[in-house]
C-alpha atoms as a PDB file:
ATOM      1  CA  UNK A   1      69.279 -15.063  59.014  1.00  0.00           C
ATOM      2  CA  UNK A   2      65.962 -13.365  59.710  1.00  0.00           C
ATOM      3  CA  UNK A   3      66.010  -9.573  59.808  1.00  0.00           C
ATOM      4  CA  UNK A   4      62.516  -9.280  61.310  1.00  0.00           C
ATOM      5  CA  UNK A   5      61.896  -8.311  64.912  1.00  0.00           C
ATOM      6  CA  UNK A   6      61.452 -11.204  67.290  1.00  0.00           C
ATOM      7  CA  UNK A   7      59.426 -11.299  70.528  1.00  0.00           C
ATOM      8  CA  UNK A   8      60.864 -12.908  73.626  1.00  0.00           C
ATOM      9  CA  UNK A   9      58.908 -13.859  76.725  1.00  0.00           C
ATOM     10  CA  UNK A  10      60.533 -13.198  80.124  1.00  0.00           C
ATOM     11  CA  UNK A  11      59.656 -12.881  83.800  1.00  0.00           C
ATOM     12  CA  UNK A  12      60.238  -9.635  85.705  1.00  0.00           C
ATOM     13  CA  UNK A  13      60.505  -9.677  89.506  1.00  0.00           C
ATOM     14  CA  UNK A  14      60.357  -6.405  91.458  1.00  0.00           C
ATOM     15  CA  UNK A  15      59.758  -5.158  94.994  1.00  0.00           C
ATOM     16  CA  UNK A  16      58.824  -1.820  96.611  1.00  0.00           C
ATOM     17  CA  UNK A  17      60.084  -0.551  99.975  1.00  0.00           C
ATOM     18  CA  UNK A  18      60.135   2.770 101.778  1.00  0.00           C
ATOM     19  CA  UNK A  19      63.369   4.730 102.083  1.00  0.00           C
ATOM     20  CA  UNK A  20      65.060   4.289 105.436  1.00  0.00           C
ATOM     21  CA  UNK A  21      67.936   6.709 104.965  1.00  0.00           C
ATOM     22  CA  UNK A  22      69.155   9.367 102.575  1.00  0.00           C
ATOM     23  CA  UNK A  23      69.577   8.539  98.901  1.00  0.00           C
ATOM     24  CA  UNK A  24      71.413  10.528  96.187  1.00  0.00           C
ATOM     25  CA  UNK A  25      68.080  12.296  95.571  1.00  0.00           C
ATOM     26  CA  UNK A  26      68.373  14.106  98.897  1.00  0.00           C
ATOM     27  CA  UNK A  27      72.100  14.873  98.753  1.00  0.00           C
ATOM     28  CA  UNK A  28      72.451  15.632  95.043  1.00  0.00           C
ATOM     29  CA  UNK A  29      72.353  18.971  93.221  1.00  0.00           C
ATOM     30  CA  UNK A  30      68.874  19.760  94.582  1.00  0.00           C
ATOM     31  CA  UNK A  31      70.338  20.050  98.084  1.00  0.00           C
ATOM     32  CA  UNK A  32      73.508  21.980  97.300  1.00  0.00           C
ATOM     33  CA  UNK A  33      71.960  25.427  97.763  1.00  0.00           C
ATOM     34  CA  UNK A  34      70.003  24.766 100.962  1.00  0.00           C
ATOM     35  CA  UNK A  35      69.528  27.869 103.113  1.00  0.00           C
ATOM     36  CA  UNK A  36      69.690  26.043 106.448  1.00  0.00           C
ATOM     37  CA  UNK A  37      72.695  26.159 108.770  1.00  0.00           C
ATOM     38  CA  UNK A  38      74.306  23.325 110.703  1.00  0.00           C
ATOM     39  CA  UNK A  39      73.737  23.047 114.430  1.00  0.00           C
ATOM     40  CA  UNK A  40      76.865  23.352 116.585  1.00  0.00           C
ATOM     41  CA  UNK A  41      78.331  20.248 118.148  1.00  0.00           C
ATOM     42  CA  UNK A  42      79.526  21.992 121.305  1.00  0.00           C
ATOM     43  CA  UNK A  43      78.630  25.167 123.222  1.00  0.00           C
ATOM     44  CA  UNK A  44      81.003  26.615 125.830  1.00  0.00           C
ATOM     45  CA  UNK A  45      79.601  29.287 128.139  1.00  0.00           C
ATOM     46  CA  UNK A  46      82.558  30.948 129.842  1.00  0.00           C
ATOM     47  CA  UNK A  47      83.535  34.359 131.181  1.00  0.00           C
ATOM     48  CA  UNK A  48      86.901  33.925 129.390  1.00  0.00           C
ATOM     49  CA  UNK A  49      85.986  32.987 125.784  1.00  0.00           C
ATOM     50  CA  UNK A  50      89.461  33.961 124.629  1.00  0.00           C
ATOM     51  CA  UNK A  51      91.032  31.154 126.686  1.00  0.00           C
ATOM     52  CA  UNK A  52      92.199  28.510 124.219  1.00  0.00           C
ATOM     53  CA  UNK A  53      92.146  25.538 126.625  1.00  0.00           C
ATOM     54  CA  UNK A  54      88.364  25.270 126.343  1.00  0.00           C
ATOM     55  CA  UNK A  55      88.231  25.784 122.590  1.00  0.00           C
ATOM     56  CA  UNK A  56      90.234  22.764 121.430  1.00  0.00           C
ATOM     57  CA  UNK A  57      87.552  20.803 119.576  1.00  0.00           C
ATOM     58  CA  UNK A  58      86.972  19.299 116.154  1.00  0.00           C
ATOM     59  CA  UNK A  59      83.213  19.864 116.475  1.00  0.00           C
ATOM     60  CA  UNK A  60      81.349  22.960 115.349  1.00  0.00           C
ATOM     61  CA  UNK A  61      82.024  25.107 118.430  1.00  0.00           C
ATOM     62  CA  UNK A  62      80.280  28.212 119.764  1.00  0.00           C
ATOM     63  CA  UNK A  63      81.834  29.981 122.764  1.00  0.00           C
ATOM     64  CA  UNK A  64      81.079  33.149 124.707  1.00  0.00           C
ATOM     65  CA  UNK A  65      79.794  34.567 127.966  1.00  0.00           C
ATOM     66  CA  UNK A  66      76.341  35.386 126.582  1.00  0.00           C
ATOM     67  CA  UNK A  67      75.246  33.206 123.671  1.00  0.00           C
ATOM     68  CA  UNK A  68      72.282  33.585 121.344  1.00  0.00           C
ATOM     69  CA  UNK A  69      71.927  31.352 118.278  1.00  0.00           C
ATOM     70  CA  UNK A  70      68.930  31.906 116.024  1.00  0.00           C
ATOM     71  CA  UNK A  71      68.598  30.438 112.535  1.00  0.00           C
ATOM     72  CA  UNK A  72      67.061  27.779 110.301  1.00  0.00           C
ATOM     73  CA  UNK A  73      68.828  24.451 110.782  1.00  0.00           C
ATOM     74  CA  UNK A  74      68.795  21.038 109.131  1.00  0.00           C
ATOM     75  CA  UNK A  75      69.941  17.574 110.105  1.00  0.00           C
ATOM     76  CA  UNK A  76      73.277  16.883 108.354  1.00  0.00           C
ATOM     77  CA  UNK A  77      73.429  13.849 106.018  1.00  0.00           C
ATOM     78  CA  UNK A  78      75.386  11.759 108.518  1.00  0.00           C
ATOM     79  CA  UNK A  79      72.633  12.144 111.142  1.00  0.00           C
ATOM     80  CA  UNK A  80      69.471  11.673 109.107  1.00  0.00           C
ATOM     81  CA  UNK A  81      69.366   7.900 109.688  1.00  0.00           C
ATOM     82  CA  UNK A  82      68.800   8.471 113.433  1.00  0.00           C
ATOM     83  CA  UNK A  83      67.275  11.961 113.112  1.00  0.00           C
ATOM     84  CA  UNK A  84      69.113  13.051 116.258  1.00  0.00           C
ATOM     85  CA  UNK A  85      71.663  15.768 116.940  1.00  0.00           C
ATOM     86  CA  UNK A  86      73.393  16.143 120.299  1.00  0.00           C
ATOM     87  CA  UNK A  87      75.011  19.395 121.478  1.00  0.00           C
ATOM     88  CA  UNK A  88      77.378  19.191 124.433  1.00  0.00           C
ATOM     89  CA  UNK A  89      77.146  22.302 126.607  1.00  0.00           C
ATOM     90  CA  UNK A  90      79.694  23.422 129.184  1.00  0.00           C
ATOM     91  CA  UNK A  91      78.239  26.046 131.537  1.00  0.00           C
ATOM     92  CA  UNK A  92      80.705  27.936 133.750  1.00  0.00           C
ATOM     93  CA  UNK A  93      78.319  30.507 135.296  1.00  0.00           C
ATOM     94  CA  UNK A  94      74.781  30.175 136.609  1.00  0.00           C
ATOM     95  CA  UNK A  95      72.822  31.142 133.500  1.00  0.00           C
ATOM     96  CA  UNK A  96      69.335  31.600 132.151  1.00  0.00           C
ATOM     97  CA  UNK A  97      68.889  28.992 129.401  1.00  0.00           C
ATOM     98  CA  UNK A  98      66.323  28.987 126.636  1.00  0.00           C
ATOM     99  CA  UNK A  99      65.890  26.671 123.656  1.00  0.00           C
ATOM    100  CA  UNK A 100      62.927  26.734 121.295  1.00  0.00           C
ATOM    101  CA  UNK A 101      61.775  25.088 118.082  1.00  0.00           C
ATOM    102  CA  UNK A 102      59.372  26.776 115.717  1.00  0.00           C
ATOM    103  CA  UNK A 103      58.208  25.961 112.213  1.00  0.00           C
ATOM    104  CA  UNK A 104      59.671  22.746 110.815  1.00  0.00           C
ATOM    105  CA  UNK A 105      59.519  21.607 107.202  1.00  0.00           C
ATOM    106  CA  UNK A 106      58.674  17.939 106.734  1.00  0.00           C
ATOM    107  CA  UNK A 107      59.140  16.658 110.300  1.00  0.00           C
ATOM    108  CA  UNK A 108      58.171  17.568 113.861  1.00  0.00           C
ATOM    109  CA  UNK A 109      61.315  18.419 115.846  1.00  0.00           C
ATOM    110  CA  UNK A 110      61.598  17.840 119.604  1.00  0.00           C
ATOM    111  CA  UNK A 111      64.187  18.949 122.176  1.00  0.00           C
ATOM    112  CA  UNK A 112      65.470  17.522 125.450  1.00  0.00           C
ATOM    113  CA  UNK A 113      68.053  18.751 127.963  1.00  0.00           C
ATOM    114  CA  UNK A 114      69.930  16.362 130.272  1.00  0.00           C
ATOM    115  CA  UNK A 115      73.060  16.435 132.363  1.00  0.00           C
ATOM    116  CA  UNK A 116      75.962  14.742 130.611  1.00  0.00           C
ATOM    117  CA  UNK A 117      76.030  11.034 131.445  1.00  0.00           C
ATOM    118  CA  UNK A 118      72.456  11.024 132.801  1.00  0.00           C
ATOM    119  CA  UNK A 119      69.063  10.264 131.261  1.00  0.00           C
ATOM    120  CA  UNK A 120      66.757  12.335 133.482  1.00  0.00           C
ATOM    121  CA  UNK A 121      65.730  15.707 132.117  1.00  0.00           C
ATOM    122  CA  UNK A 122      67.599  18.647 133.631  1.00  0.00           C
ATOM    123  CA  UNK A 123      64.741  20.983 132.640  1.00  0.00           C
ATOM    124  CA  UNK A 124      61.197  20.252 131.546  1.00  0.00           C
ATOM    125  CA  UNK A 125      60.233  20.661 127.887  1.00  0.00           C
ATOM    126  CA  UNK A 126      56.956  22.503 127.308  1.00  0.00           C
ATOM    127  CA  UNK A 127      54.822  22.143 124.164  1.00  0.00           C
ATOM    128  CA  UNK A 128      53.163  25.300 122.922  1.00  0.00           C
ATOM    129  CA  UNK A 129      49.370  25.144 122.584  1.00  0.00           C
ATOM    130  CA  UNK A 130      47.990  24.818 119.073  1.00  0.00           C
ATOM    131  CA  UNK A 131      48.482  22.579 116.035  1.00  0.00           C
ATOM    132  CA  UNK A 132      51.944  23.921 115.144  1.00  0.00           C
ATOM    133  CA  UNK A 133      54.707  21.735 116.654  1.00  0.00           C
ATOM    134  CA  UNK A 134      56.606  24.189 118.866  1.00  0.00           C
ATOM    135  CA  UNK A 135      58.562  23.383 122.023  1.00  0.00           C
ATOM    136  CA  UNK A 136      60.412  25.439 124.619  1.00  0.00           C
ATOM    137  CA  UNK A 137      62.918  24.802 127.415  1.00  0.00           C
ATOM    138  CA  UNK A 138      63.321  27.767 129.778  1.00  0.00           C
ATOM    139  CA  UNK A 139      65.158  27.478 133.102  1.00  0.00           C
ATOM    140  CA  UNK A 140      68.213  28.488 135.136  1.00  0.00           C
ATOM    141  CA  UNK A 141      71.247  26.207 134.737  1.00  0.00           C
ATOM    142  CA  UNK A 142      73.928  25.821 137.370  1.00  0.00           C
ATOM    143  CA  UNK A 143      77.567  25.319 136.306  1.00  0.00           C
ATOM    144  CA  UNK A 144      78.137  21.864 134.836  1.00  0.00           C
ATOM    145  CA  UNK A 145      78.055  19.738 131.687  1.00  0.00           C
ATOM    146  CA  UNK A 146      74.795  19.272 129.797  1.00  0.00           C
ATOM    147  CA  UNK A 147      73.559  17.695 126.563  1.00  0.00           C
ATOM    148  CA  UNK A 148      70.895  19.385 124.414  1.00  0.00           C
ATOM    149  CA  UNK A 149      69.317  16.940 121.948  1.00  0.00           C
ATOM    150  CA  UNK A 150      67.289  17.785 118.844  1.00  0.00           C
ATOM    151  CA  UNK A 151      65.433  14.733 117.536  1.00  0.00           C
ATOM    152  CA  UNK A 152      62.600  13.770 115.187  1.00  0.00           C
ATOM    153  CA  UNK A 153      60.901  10.740 113.658  1.00  0.00           C
ATOM    154  CA  UNK A 154      62.161   9.857 110.176  1.00  0.00           C
ATOM    155  CA  UNK A 155      59.145  10.285 107.842  1.00  0.00           C
ATOM    156  CA  UNK A 156      57.966   7.574 105.503  1.00  0.00           C
ATOM    157  CA  UNK A 157      59.335   8.181 102.041  1.00  0.00           C
ATOM    158  CA  UNK A 158      62.365  10.075 103.302  1.00  0.00           C
ATOM    159  CA  UNK A 159      63.108  13.749 103.689  1.00  0.00           C
ATOM    160  CA  UNK A 160      62.512  16.315 100.999  1.00  0.00           C
ATOM    161  CA  UNK A 161      65.601  18.184  99.810  1.00  0.00           C
ATOM    162  CA  UNK A 162      66.522  21.085 102.080  1.00  0.00           C
ATOM    163  CA  UNK A 163      64.101  20.124 104.854  1.00  0.00           C
ATOM    164  CA  UNK A 164      64.841  22.369 107.830  1.00  0.00           C
ATOM    165  CA  UNK A 165      63.445  23.812 111.057  1.00  0.00           C
ATOM    166  CA  UNK A 166      63.722  27.087 112.960  1.00  0.00           C
ATOM    167  CA  UNK A 167      65.375  27.031 116.386  1.00  0.00           C
ATOM    168  CA  UNK A 168      66.873  29.313 119.013  1.00  0.00           C
ATOM    169  CA  UNK A 169      69.446  28.585 121.734  1.00  0.00           C
ATOM    170  CA  UNK A 170      70.382  31.196 124.333  1.00  0.00           C
ATOM    171  CA  UNK A 171      72.517  31.355 127.492  1.00  0.00           C
ATOM    172  CA  UNK A 172      72.896  34.478 129.625  1.00  0.00           C
ATOM    173  CA  UNK A 173      74.597  34.564 133.048  1.00  0.00           C
ATOM    174  CA  UNK A 174      72.352  35.635 135.904  1.00  0.00           C
ATOM    175  CA  UNK A 175      75.196  37.878 137.103  1.00  0.00           C
ATOM    176  CA  UNK A 176      74.484  40.160 134.143  1.00  0.00           C
ATOM    177  CA  UNK A 177      70.934  40.789 135.329  1.00  0.00           C
ATOM    178  CA  UNK A 178      70.337  44.366 136.391  1.00  0.00           C
ATOM    179  CA  UNK A 179      67.990  44.785 139.367  1.00  0.00           C
ATOM    180  CA  UNK A 180      67.070  48.353 138.428  1.00  0.00           C
ATOM    181  CA  UNK A 181      66.335  47.257 134.880  1.00  0.00           C
ATOM    182  CA  UNK A 182      64.179  44.410 136.197  1.00  0.00           C
ATOM    183  CA  UNK A 183      62.118  46.824 138.304  1.00  0.00           C
ATOM    184  CA  UNK A 184      61.802  49.123 135.298  1.00  0.00           C
ATOM    185  CA  UNK A 185      60.514  46.245 133.133  1.00  0.00           C
ATOM    186  CA  UNK A 186      57.909  45.313 135.747  1.00  0.00           C
ATOM    187  CA  UNK A 187      56.787  48.941 135.985  1.00  0.00           C
ATOM    188  CA  UNK A 188      56.430  49.117 132.183  1.00  0.00           C
ATOM    189  CA  UNK A 189      54.142  46.076 131.999  1.00  0.00           C
ATOM    190  CA  UNK A 190      51.188  46.638 129.673  1.00  0.00           C
ATOM    191  CA  UNK A 191      47.729  47.205 131.143  1.00  0.00           C
ATOM    192  CA  UNK A 192      45.711  44.441 129.505  1.00  0.00           C
ATOM    193  CA  UNK A 193      42.452  45.162 131.349  1.00  0.00           C
ATOM    194  CA  UNK A 194      41.304  47.503 128.576  1.00  0.00           C
ATOM    195  CA  UNK A 195      42.285  45.155 125.764  1.00  0.00           C
ATOM    196  CA  UNK A 196      39.129  43.814 124.110  1.00  0.00           C
ATOM    197  CA  UNK A 197      38.285  41.783 121.028  1.00  0.00           C
ATOM    198  CA  UNK A 198      36.888  44.083 118.359  1.00  0.00           C
ATOM    199  CA  UNK A 199      33.544  42.964 116.937  1.00  0.00           C
ATOM    200  CA  UNK A 200      33.216  43.615 113.235  1.00  0.00           C
ATOM    201  CA  UNK A 201      31.362  41.905 110.394  1.00  0.00           C
ATOM    202  CA  UNK A 202      33.774  43.297 107.802  1.00  0.00           C
ATOM    203  CA  UNK A 203      36.356  41.000 106.256  1.00  0.00           C
ATOM    204  CA  UNK A 204      39.769  41.663 107.795  1.00  0.00           C
ATOM    205  CA  UNK A 205      42.616  41.301 105.328  1.00  0.00           C
ATOM    206  CA  UNK A 206      45.336  43.067 107.328  1.00  0.00           C
ATOM    207  CA  UNK A 207      46.315  41.784 110.805  1.00  0.00           C
ATOM    208  CA  UNK A 208      46.010  44.408 113.533  1.00  0.00           C
ATOM    209  CA  UNK A 209      48.894  43.676 115.889  1.00  0.00           C
ATOM    210  CA  UNK A 210      49.183  45.237 119.323  1.00  0.00           C
ATOM    211  CA  UNK A 211      52.537  45.309 121.123  1.00  0.00           C
ATOM    212  CA  UNK A 212      52.409  44.323 124.799  1.00  0.00           C
ATOM    213  CA  UNK A 213      55.023  43.991 127.560  1.00  0.00           C
ATOM    214  CA  UNK A 214      54.667  41.067 129.963  1.00  0.00           C
ATOM    215  CA  UNK A 215      57.315  40.462 132.686  1.00  0.00           C
ATOM    216  CA  UNK A 216      58.568  36.876 133.066  1.00  0.00           C
ATOM    217  CA  UNK A 217      58.828  35.560 136.616  1.00  0.00           C
ATOM    218  CA  UNK A 218      61.099  32.631 137.455  1.00  0.00           C
ATOM    219  CA  UNK A 219      59.531  29.875 139.547  1.00  0.00           C
ATOM    220  CA  UNK A 220      60.774  26.593 140.979  1.00  0.00           C
ATOM    221  CA  UNK A 221      58.983  24.493 138.345  1.00  0.00           C
ATOM    222  CA  UNK A 222      58.094  25.276 134.696  1.00  0.00           C
ATOM    223  CA  UNK A 223      54.468  26.159 134.060  1.00  0.00           C
ATOM    224  CA  UNK A 224      52.182  27.730 131.471  1.00  0.00           C
ATOM    225  CA  UNK A 225      50.980  31.187 132.522  1.00  0.00           C
ATOM    226  CA  UNK A 226      47.868  32.827 131.113  1.00  0.00           C
ATOM    227  CA  UNK A 227      48.783  36.315 129.903  1.00  0.00           C
ATOM    228  CA  UNK A 228      45.383  37.525 128.690  1.00  0.00           C
ATOM    229  CA  UNK A 229      41.934  36.099 128.012  1.00  0.00           C
ATOM    230  CA  UNK A 230      38.764  37.631 126.619  1.00  0.00           C
ATOM    231  CA  UNK A 231      35.384  35.984 126.065  1.00  0.00           C
ATOM    232  CA  UNK A 232      33.192  36.751 123.071  1.00  0.00           C
ATOM    233  CA  UNK A 233      29.705  35.492 122.268  1.00  0.00           C
ATOM    234  CA  UNK A 234      28.618  34.910 118.649  1.00  0.00           C
ATOM    235  CA  UNK A 235      24.856  35.082 118.214  1.00  0.00           C
ATOM    236  CA  UNK A 236      22.683  33.637 115.480  1.00  0.00           C
ATOM    237  CA  UNK A 237      22.453  37.102 113.923  1.00  0.00           C
ATOM    238  CA  UNK A 238      26.245  37.336 113.764  1.00  0.00           C
ATOM    239  CA  UNK A 239      26.540  33.929 112.124  1.00  0.00           C
ATOM    240  CA  UNK A 240      23.834  34.652 109.542  1.00  0.00           C
END
């Protein structure tokens, strides 16, 4: 019997493919301490949130007369294959509705609002100007059943652990609006005529924020309204 090492020839077949759904890498220990919350599965807007007949649900439920949800959220593991989360909303009072997405980590998140059982949009989704993927839905909802959908395209290579996005969802009955307060807000609108861009050749390291008050007017159709513009000319001497 030979005690020396022997060499053996063999063939090795292998293949490479992109991830199509979560693997243990995304749901293992690296993802246990994620800071993101889970989106609710159902929202009930009612003037009687203590009534138990509307609160019988196995889904993550949020109920109240005025509702404001604001946090960092992530797609749960059982929804990452489709990258879609649907929230059923039951609206009992005519309400001002607002949903927004802000910074997202790893994917661009989109939102859509439809009536339950229909495919047409109940309110138009507006994309904010600029390179950052931000969207807003802002309208008045009449009593009824709606579906708010958060969705995204699954990125090649899969999601990084703890990928999340920032979002807000708000419902406030129009009956709670105060006419005197509305007039007061309009009267307190900022005078933007004197607001000018400051010309300076010095390097600015600290942002100089200016607080302004701009009333929001409801119209029949969503639109983008210009709040303030200011033109500035950069000469050759400035660029030198």
